[in-house]
Protein backbone atom coordinates (compact mmCIF):
# COMPACT_ATOMS: atom_id res chain seq x y z
CA MET A 1 276.95 179.24 181.35
CA SER A 2 279.85 181.32 179.78
CA GLU A 3 281.53 178.33 178.21
CA GLN A 4 280.85 174.92 176.37
CA THR A 5 283.12 171.97 176.54
CA PHE A 6 283.21 169.10 174.05
CA PRO A 7 283.99 165.47 175.01
CA THR A 8 287.31 164.25 173.61
CA THR A 9 289.94 161.50 173.80
CA ARG A 10 293.63 162.16 173.80
CA CYS A 11 295.62 159.16 172.98
CA ARG A 12 298.04 157.54 170.52
CA PHE A 13 295.99 156.25 167.76
CA GLY A 14 296.55 154.09 164.66
CA VAL A 15 294.26 152.72 161.99
CA ALA A 16 294.57 150.09 159.27
CA ARG A 17 292.31 148.28 156.85
CA HIS A 18 292.21 144.87 155.06
CA ASP A 19 289.98 143.55 152.38
CA VAL A 20 288.26 140.52 153.75
CA THR A 21 285.73 139.81 150.90
CA PRO A 22 284.86 136.11 150.84
CA PRO A 23 285.50 134.18 147.65
CA VAL A 24 282.77 133.95 145.10
CA GLY A 25 281.21 130.41 145.54
CA ILE A 26 281.31 130.29 149.24
CA TYR A 27 278.12 129.19 151.00
CA ALA A 28 276.05 132.18 151.60
CA ARG A 29 272.47 131.16 152.24
CA SER A 30 271.41 133.32 155.20
CA TRP A 31 267.66 133.68 154.48
CA GLY A 32 265.01 130.79 154.82
CA ALA A 33 263.27 132.03 151.58
CA ALA A 34 266.49 132.07 149.56
CA THR A 35 266.61 129.64 146.50
CA HIS A 36 270.46 129.87 146.18
CA GLU A 37 273.15 128.32 148.14
CA VAL A 38 276.20 130.10 147.09
CA ALA A 39 277.44 133.76 146.48
CA GLU A 40 277.62 134.42 142.82
CA GLY A 41 279.39 137.90 142.76
CA VAL A 42 280.50 140.81 144.80
CA HIS A 43 278.47 144.12 145.20
CA ARG A 44 281.04 146.02 147.18
CA PRO A 45 284.22 144.84 149.04
CA LEU A 46 283.88 143.64 152.66
CA THR A 47 286.59 145.08 155.00
CA ALA A 48 288.20 144.77 158.48
CA THR A 49 289.26 148.00 159.82
CA ALA A 50 291.33 148.11 163.03
CA ALA A 51 291.46 151.26 165.32
CA VAL A 52 294.16 151.09 168.08
CA PHE A 53 293.90 153.41 170.99
CA ALA A 54 297.08 153.59 173.55
CA PRO A 55 297.68 155.95 176.37
CA LEU A 56 299.95 159.00 175.74
CA ASP A 57 302.23 158.20 178.72
CA GLY A 58 302.12 154.37 178.64
CA ASP A 59 300.05 154.30 181.72
CA GLY A 60 296.89 152.38 180.70
CA PRO A 61 295.70 149.53 178.42
CA GLU A 62 296.17 149.40 174.63
CA LEU A 63 292.62 148.89 173.13
CA ALA A 64 291.94 147.47 169.66
CA LEU A 65 288.46 148.23 168.08
CA VAL A 66 287.80 146.30 164.80
CA ALA A 67 284.92 147.16 162.51
CA LEU A 68 284.37 143.79 160.60
CA ASP A 69 281.90 143.25 157.62
CA ILE A 70 280.35 140.06 158.46
CA GLY A 71 276.94 138.97 159.51
CA TRP A 72 277.55 136.55 162.56
CA LEU A 73 279.61 133.62 163.50
CA GLN A 74 276.95 131.08 164.36
CA TYR A 75 279.25 128.17 165.55
CA ALA A 76 280.53 129.55 168.97
CA PRO A 77 284.04 127.82 168.54
CA ASP A 78 284.55 129.53 165.28
CA GLU A 79 284.13 132.91 166.96
CA LEU A 80 286.16 132.00 169.97
CA GLY A 81 288.97 130.56 167.72
CA LEU A 82 289.13 133.67 165.64
CA ARG A 83 289.58 135.95 168.65
CA ALA A 84 292.09 133.47 170.28
CA ALA A 85 294.10 133.52 167.15
CA ILE A 86 294.14 137.42 167.05
CA GLN A 87 295.01 137.67 170.75
CA GLU A 88 297.95 135.26 170.25
CA ARG A 89 299.40 137.38 167.50
CA THR A 90 298.82 140.62 168.93
CA GLY A 91 299.35 139.93 172.75
CA LEU A 92 296.03 141.67 173.59
CA GLY A 93 293.92 140.52 176.71
CA GLU A 94 290.29 139.48 176.25
CA GLU A 95 289.18 142.89 177.66
CA GLN A 96 291.40 144.76 175.24
CA LEU A 97 289.95 143.37 171.92
CA LEU A 98 286.56 143.99 170.34
CA VAL A 99 285.68 142.49 166.99
CA SER A 100 282.42 144.35 166.07
CA MET A 101 280.54 142.65 163.46
CA SER A 102 278.48 144.90 161.18
CA HIS A 103 275.74 142.22 160.95
CA THR A 104 275.29 142.37 157.18
CA HIS A 105 272.81 139.76 155.87
CA ALA A 106 274.49 139.59 152.62
CA GLY A 107 277.85 137.99 153.53
CA ALA A 108 279.05 134.36 153.76
CA ASN A 109 277.26 132.07 156.16
CA ALA A 110 280.57 131.35 157.87
CA ASN A 111 279.87 128.23 159.88
CA SER A 112 282.57 125.62 159.72
CA GLN A 113 280.05 122.87 160.79
CA LEU A 114 277.89 123.11 157.79
CA ASP A 115 279.66 120.27 155.94
CA ASP A 116 276.85 119.11 153.74
CA ARG A 117 276.21 122.49 151.75
CA PRO A 118 277.63 123.72 148.45
CA GLY A 119 280.59 126.06 149.07
CA VAL A 120 281.37 125.00 152.60
CA GLU A 121 284.94 123.88 151.66
CA LEU A 122 285.71 127.62 151.41
CA ILE A 123 284.58 128.43 154.89
CA ARG A 124 287.45 127.09 156.94
CA PRO A 125 290.09 128.78 154.78
CA TYR A 126 288.00 131.96 154.89
CA LEU A 127 288.02 131.99 158.62
CA ASP A 128 291.68 131.25 159.07
CA GLY A 129 292.33 134.16 156.60
CA LEU A 130 289.98 136.37 158.44
CA ALA A 131 292.08 135.87 161.56
CA ARG A 132 295.23 136.75 159.95
CA HIS A 133 293.86 139.79 158.31
CA ILE A 134 292.44 141.33 161.41
CA ALA A 135 295.66 140.49 163.45
CA ASP A 136 297.73 142.06 160.68
CA ALA A 137 295.46 145.12 160.59
CA ILE A 138 295.91 145.53 164.46
CA LEU A 139 299.68 145.27 164.07
CA GLU A 140 299.77 147.66 161.32
CA ALA A 141 297.63 150.18 163.22
CA ARG A 142 299.87 149.84 166.21
CA ALA A 143 302.89 150.54 164.16
CA THR A 144 301.48 153.70 162.90
CA ARG A 145 300.16 155.19 166.32
CA MET A 146 300.61 158.94 166.80
CA GLU A 147 299.34 161.38 169.15
CA ALA A 148 295.69 162.33 168.26
CA HIS A 149 292.41 163.96 169.41
CA VAL A 150 289.08 162.23 169.13
CA THR A 151 286.13 164.77 169.09
CA TYR A 152 282.66 163.47 169.67
CA GLY A 153 279.10 164.61 168.72
CA TYR A 154 275.60 163.29 168.28
CA GLY A 155 273.55 163.60 165.23
CA CYS A 156 270.48 161.95 163.84
CA CYS A 157 269.46 159.86 160.68
CA GLY A 158 266.06 158.81 159.66
CA LEU A 159 267.20 155.62 157.87
CA ALA A 160 266.17 153.20 160.74
CA ALA A 161 262.32 152.51 161.17
CA ASN A 162 260.44 150.34 163.51
CA ARG A 163 260.01 146.74 162.06
CA ASP A 164 257.42 145.31 164.53
CA TYR A 165 254.42 145.41 162.33
CA TRP A 166 250.93 144.05 163.44
CA ASP A 167 249.23 142.23 160.48
CA GLU A 168 245.47 142.58 161.14
CA ASP A 169 244.56 140.04 158.58
CA ALA A 170 247.01 137.44 159.66
CA GLY A 171 246.34 138.18 163.39
CA ARG A 172 250.20 138.25 164.20
CA PHE A 173 253.12 140.25 164.10
CA ALA A 174 255.34 140.50 160.73
CA CYS A 175 259.00 141.53 160.95
CA GLY A 176 258.76 144.43 158.57
CA TYR A 177 258.33 148.11 158.22
CA ASN A 178 255.96 149.55 160.87
CA PRO A 179 255.08 153.24 159.97
CA GLY A 180 253.07 153.81 163.10
CA ALA A 181 255.74 153.45 165.76
CA PRO A 182 258.76 155.73 166.42
CA ALA A 183 262.35 154.63 165.93
CA ASP A 184 265.53 155.86 167.65
CA ASP A 185 267.39 158.07 165.22
CA THR A 186 270.40 158.79 167.29
CA LEU A 187 273.79 158.72 165.52
CA LEU A 188 277.09 159.21 167.40
CA VAL A 189 280.09 160.26 165.46
CA GLY A 190 283.78 160.76 166.21
CA ARG A 191 286.54 162.52 164.32
CA VAL A 192 290.15 161.53 164.92
CA THR A 193 292.74 164.30 164.20
CA ASP A 194 296.53 164.32 164.42
CA SER A 195 298.38 167.24 166.24
CA ASP A 196 298.18 169.35 162.88
CA GLY A 197 294.47 168.89 162.45
CA ALA A 198 294.59 166.37 159.67
CA ILE A 199 291.86 163.73 159.85
CA LEU A 200 293.06 160.24 160.53
CA ALA A 201 289.75 158.59 160.72
CA THR A 202 285.95 159.01 161.45
CA VAL A 203 283.78 156.64 163.38
CA PHE A 204 279.90 156.28 163.36
CA ASN A 205 277.70 154.27 165.62
CA TYR A 206 274.16 153.81 164.48
CA ALA A 207 271.36 151.34 165.10
CA CYS A 208 269.72 149.80 161.94
CA HIS A 209 269.56 146.14 160.72
CA PRO A 210 271.62 145.63 157.66
CA THR A 211 269.04 143.69 155.89
CA THR A 212 268.32 145.76 152.76
CA LEU A 213 269.61 142.89 150.70
CA ALA A 214 267.75 139.69 151.40
CA TRP A 215 266.75 136.28 149.70
CA ALA A 216 266.63 137.64 146.21
CA ASN A 217 270.28 138.99 146.37
CA ARG A 218 273.12 136.69 145.37
CA LEU A 219 276.03 139.08 145.82
CA LEU A 220 278.44 139.50 148.61
CA SER A 221 277.84 142.93 150.24
CA PRO A 222 278.38 145.10 153.24
CA ASP A 223 274.81 146.21 152.63
CA TYR A 224 274.10 149.96 153.44
CA ILE A 225 277.36 150.28 155.25
CA GLY A 226 279.41 150.24 152.16
CA ALA A 227 278.00 153.33 150.64
CA ALA A 228 277.85 155.15 154.04
CA ARG A 229 281.66 154.57 154.49
CA GLU A 230 282.16 155.67 150.81
CA VAL A 231 280.45 159.10 151.49
CA LEU A 232 282.37 159.76 154.66
CA GLU A 233 285.68 158.68 153.18
CA HIS A 234 285.12 160.91 150.10
CA ALA A 235 284.30 163.81 152.36
CA PHE A 236 287.16 163.57 154.71
CA GLY A 237 289.86 161.48 153.01
CA ALA A 238 290.23 159.08 155.80
CA PRO A 239 288.98 155.56 156.76
CA ALA A 240 285.44 155.54 158.18
CA LEU A 241 284.62 152.79 160.80
CA PHE A 242 280.91 151.77 161.27
CA PHE A 243 279.61 150.23 164.51
CA HIS A 244 276.19 148.52 164.67
CA GLY A 245 274.03 149.73 167.66
CA ALA A 246 270.98 148.17 169.37
CA SER A 247 268.73 147.57 166.51
CA GLY A 248 266.64 144.74 167.63
CA GLU A 249 263.37 146.39 166.31
CA LEU A 250 265.05 148.66 163.80
CA ALA A 251 265.65 148.32 160.00
CA PRO A 252 265.43 150.43 156.86
CA ARG A 253 262.01 151.29 155.40
CA ASP A 254 263.24 150.05 152.12
CA ASP A 255 264.15 146.50 152.99
CA TYR A 256 264.29 142.91 152.01
CA VAL A 257 265.20 143.62 148.33
CA GLY A 258 267.54 142.19 145.72
CA ASP A 259 268.80 145.26 144.19
CA PRO A 260 272.18 146.56 145.44
CA ALA A 261 271.24 150.20 144.27
CA VAL A 262 268.62 150.26 147.13
CA ALA A 263 271.34 149.35 149.65
CA ASP A 264 273.59 152.11 148.28
CA ARG A 265 270.69 154.69 148.58
CA ASN A 266 270.08 153.66 152.19
CA GLY A 267 273.88 153.86 152.82
CA ARG A 268 274.08 157.31 151.33
CA GLN A 269 271.29 158.57 153.76
CA LEU A 270 273.46 157.39 156.59
CA GLY A 271 276.77 158.63 155.28
CA HIS A 272 275.51 162.15 154.64
CA ALA A 273 274.00 162.37 158.16
CA ALA A 274 277.12 161.25 159.53
CA ALA A 275 279.15 163.69 157.34
CA ALA A 276 276.99 166.43 158.69
CA ALA A 277 277.49 165.53 162.25
CA VAL A 278 281.25 165.40 161.83
CA GLU A 279 281.25 168.76 159.95
CA ALA A 280 279.48 170.26 163.06
CA LEU A 281 282.28 169.13 165.39
CA PRO A 282 284.38 171.82 167.04
CA PRO A 283 288.10 172.24 166.45
CA ALA A 284 290.05 169.51 168.40
CA GLY A 285 291.10 170.26 171.73
CA THR A 286 289.04 173.35 172.23
CA ARG A 287 286.09 174.80 174.34
CA PHE A 288 283.62 177.42 173.25
CA VAL A 289 283.98 180.64 175.39
CA TYR A 290 281.85 183.69 175.64
CA THR A 291 283.81 186.82 175.03
CA GLY A 292 281.45 189.54 175.70
CA ILE A 293 279.17 192.08 173.77
CA VAL A 294 280.02 193.90 170.67
CA ALA A 295 277.78 196.97 170.02
CA SER A 296 276.54 196.77 166.29
CA GLY A 297 273.06 198.19 166.59
CA ALA A 298 272.10 195.06 168.65
CA ASN A 299 274.14 193.87 171.62
CA LEU A 300 275.91 190.93 169.99
CA GLY A 301 277.13 188.27 172.12
CA THR A 302 280.55 186.87 170.85
CA TRP A 303 282.06 183.43 171.41
CA GLU A 304 285.44 181.89 170.30
CA TYR A 305 287.27 178.69 170.54
CA GLN A 306 289.94 178.56 173.13
CA PRO A 307 292.33 175.64 174.30
CA CYS A 308 290.88 173.07 176.83
CA GLU A 309 291.80 173.59 180.49
CA PRO A 310 294.46 171.45 181.92
CA ALA A 311 291.81 169.53 184.02
CA GLN A 312 289.85 168.48 180.98
CA LEU A 313 292.99 167.48 179.13
CA ALA A 314 293.99 165.10 182.05
CA GLU A 315 290.49 163.59 182.13
CA SER A 316 290.53 163.04 178.31
CA SER A 317 293.67 161.11 178.49
CA ARG A 318 292.47 158.41 180.59
CA LEU A 319 291.89 154.78 179.04
CA ALA A 320 290.25 151.96 180.89
CA ALA A 321 288.80 148.47 180.01
CA GLN A 322 286.91 145.90 181.83
CA LEU A 323 285.09 142.68 181.08
CA THR A 324 282.21 141.71 183.40
CA ALA A 325 279.05 139.51 182.82
CA VAL A 326 275.33 139.50 183.45
CA GLU A 327 273.54 136.32 184.55
CA LEU A 328 270.59 136.03 182.38
CA ARG A 329 267.83 133.35 183.05
CA ARG A 330 266.96 131.17 180.24
CA LYS A 331 263.51 130.37 178.94
CA ASP A 332 261.95 127.33 180.31
CA GLU A 333 261.29 125.35 177.05
CA PRO A 334 262.06 121.98 175.37
CA ALA A 335 265.74 121.59 174.39
CA ILE A 336 266.70 123.28 171.36
CA VAL A 337 268.83 120.23 170.03
CA GLU A 338 265.52 118.28 170.26
CA SER A 339 263.77 120.46 167.78
CA LEU A 340 266.76 119.67 165.28
CA THR A 341 266.23 116.20 165.73
CA ASN A 342 262.51 116.34 165.03
CA ALA A 343 262.85 118.66 162.08
CA LYS A 344 261.51 117.28 158.75
CA PRO A 345 264.22 116.94 156.21
CA HIS A 346 262.13 118.25 153.42
CA ALA A 347 261.07 121.37 155.33
CA VAL A 348 263.96 123.65 154.28
CA GLN A 349 263.09 126.67 156.34
CA GLU A 350 262.14 124.73 159.45
CA ARG A 351 265.41 122.79 159.00
CA GLU A 352 267.35 126.15 158.82
CA LYS A 353 265.58 127.51 161.99
CA ALA A 354 266.38 124.27 163.86
CA LEU A 355 269.95 124.40 162.88
CA ARG A 356 270.27 127.88 164.08
CA ARG A 357 268.76 126.97 167.47
CA ALA A 358 270.85 123.95 167.68
CA PHE A 359 274.13 126.08 167.43
CA LEU A 360 272.56 128.56 169.86
CA GLU A 361 272.05 125.82 172.37
CA LEU A 362 275.70 124.77 172.07
CA ALA A 363 276.81 128.44 172.73
CA LEU A 364 274.61 128.73 175.80
CA GLY A 365 275.60 125.49 177.58
CA ASP A 366 273.45 123.21 179.81
CA GLY A 367 272.58 125.59 182.78
CA PRO A 368 269.40 127.42 183.55
CA THR A 369 271.41 130.65 183.16
CA HIS A 370 273.72 132.15 180.69
CA ARG A 371 276.68 134.36 181.77
CA MET A 372 276.61 136.94 178.92
CA PRO A 373 279.84 138.90 178.65
CA LEU A 374 279.75 142.54 178.76
CA TRP A 375 282.70 144.85 177.68
CA THR A 376 283.06 148.46 178.91
CA TRP A 377 285.76 150.86 177.92
CA ARG A 378 286.66 154.35 178.86
CA LEU A 379 288.05 156.45 176.03
CA GLY A 380 288.97 159.66 177.66
CA GLU A 381 285.62 161.48 178.12
CA ALA A 382 283.68 158.95 176.10
CA LEU A 383 282.28 155.61 177.13
CA LEU A 384 281.81 152.44 175.21
CA VAL A 385 279.72 149.23 175.85
CA ALA A 386 279.79 146.10 173.81
CA VAL A 387 277.75 143.05 173.96
CA PRO A 388 277.52 139.95 171.70
CA ASN A 389 273.79 139.75 171.26
CA GLU A 390 271.12 141.77 169.52
CA LEU A 391 269.31 144.26 171.77
CA TYR A 392 266.19 146.47 171.24
CA SER A 393 267.09 150.10 171.05
CA GLU A 394 265.78 150.80 174.60
CA PHE A 395 269.17 149.59 175.72
CA GLN A 396 271.01 152.48 174.10
CA VAL A 397 268.37 155.12 174.69
CA GLU A 398 268.34 154.34 178.49
CA LEU A 399 272.11 154.19 178.81
CA ARG A 400 272.58 157.57 177.01
CA LEU A 401 269.90 159.07 179.29
CA ARG A 402 271.63 157.87 182.39
CA PHE A 403 274.95 159.27 181.14
CA GLU A 404 273.64 162.42 179.77
CA GLY A 405 276.35 164.72 178.32
CA VAL A 406 278.73 161.76 177.84
CA PRO A 407 279.05 160.06 174.38
CA VAL A 408 278.22 156.45 174.78
CA PHE A 409 279.11 154.10 171.96
CA VAL A 410 276.80 151.08 172.02
CA LEU A 411 278.19 148.03 170.11
CA THR A 412 275.99 144.82 169.70
CA THR A 413 276.88 141.63 167.62
CA THR A 414 280.38 142.16 168.99
CA ASN A 415 282.78 139.28 170.13
CA GLY A 416 280.04 136.65 169.43
CA GLY A 417 276.43 136.51 169.71
CA VAL A 418 273.46 134.05 170.43
CA GLY A 419 270.18 135.78 170.54
CA TYR A 420 267.81 138.78 171.02
CA LEU A 421 267.34 140.70 174.37
CA CYS A 422 263.76 142.11 174.14
CA PRO A 423 261.57 144.27 176.35
CA ARG A 424 259.65 142.33 179.15
CA GLU A 425 256.32 143.41 177.69
CA SER A 426 256.98 141.81 174.38
CA TYR A 427 256.97 138.30 175.86
CA GLY A 428 253.90 136.29 174.71
CA SER A 429 253.31 138.70 171.80
CA GLY A 430 254.68 136.37 169.01
CA LEU A 431 257.26 138.83 167.71
CA TYR A 432 260.11 137.07 165.75
CA GLN A 433 262.66 138.50 168.21
CA GLU A 434 260.93 137.17 171.37
CA GLN A 435 260.42 133.69 169.78
CA GLN A 436 264.18 133.61 168.80
CA SER A 437 265.45 134.78 172.08
CA PRO A 438 266.67 132.11 174.47
CA TYR A 439 266.42 134.33 177.46
CA ALA A 440 263.57 134.83 179.86
CA PRO A 441 261.49 138.01 180.40
CA GLY A 442 263.52 140.80 182.20
CA CYS A 443 266.71 139.94 180.23
CA LEU A 444 266.92 143.41 178.52
CA GLU A 445 266.01 145.40 181.69
CA GLU A 446 268.76 143.37 183.68
CA THR A 447 271.33 143.99 181.05
CA ILE A 448 270.70 147.81 181.08
CA ASP A 449 271.24 147.89 184.79
CA ALA A 450 274.31 145.68 184.60
CA ALA A 451 275.76 147.92 181.75
CA ALA A 452 275.10 151.09 183.64
CA ALA A 453 276.78 149.92 186.74
CA ALA A 454 279.83 148.75 184.63
CA LEU A 455 279.97 151.90 182.76
CA ALA A 456 279.94 154.01 185.92
CA HIS A 457 282.75 151.79 187.38
CA VAL A 458 284.94 152.11 184.36
CA GLN A 459 284.11 155.85 184.05
CA GLY A 460 285.37 156.52 187.71
CA GLY A 461 288.36 153.94 187.40
């Protein structure tokens, strides 16, 4: 091999950010063990950052990718209404818009149907404002589009740890740090530069549950993501966009605390790892070419960066988007709504679980299967897959193996979300994720195959 090429995207690119921090006093009880109901302050701002990709020649779709600091939108009509309002203002089709939730567990519990809780009167105005902010950010990003290169590379970060821990004394699994199992440490980064080489933005895709701050925390926070962004933005002077990967069994080792300093420390681990990966990227629009031997005592092989060949430039300029679905079988179990009816009013944690499962039932519908949407994009020589649910990391590991040499962005908790997709062998184990999942065994494996087929189609389209 006498040269090395680097995956890239050539497009017209724009980026814009809005502050979407919920108001103090909003309902923010996201943990069954919490003793508080409303947010009492702010650790770091929560943001919505929109990146817009458009073809250089107008031949292809415009794509809007939004990195949103929010945990989840539990009530499906809230999430659907949010996207519908954004699409109406921006003119984007359903396949062209991805609202990727960071999945922080220290945000508002933004469910418009929780009308009997303190601070719920702030939820509806917050959601309405969220739709306006995201749409405005997309429109501002669209107005600032310019010719750009996105250069991609893989790195690694040790923040994420396995969280399926077998408690010998209790005889069951705990959802917490498991030092005896490996964790996927893959980190995918992108650097966006203009025609002069100035950095317009960085992106980083990593799988780790944002659960540093838990029931003892009373502050609104993006969790570790805020400090990670801060590191990148200080290093490169441009917005950094975080996208949450397949972290079903992954979380920080230092987890479930009330101290924001721990979240910041976790974030700096990720931020510095992402910055190192960005620093290792080659100059935009180049390939690394072997230029021969220089005799200097030893025969020294020399390489230099040279412009990409026309064929690679053409491939890197192609954008595509598609929306498909995978038909997932549901568990054969009693109706979730019935569990809400039978919940004891004084059993707070059981009531919280029952409520979550009741809203999940509403999102899934009445049939024996659920058509889970699957978004796949081609961004030049990179690929992106987005799903609404939470998946074990096997999903991203397997897809990246099947598309070796291609940057594959994996976005979960995107455009909705109802439950976990777990490996077939985990069923019957008593793991939290398996118990929470509404899907039957095989759901993860079926989704991997469906995503691989969809990615291959969009790659060749």
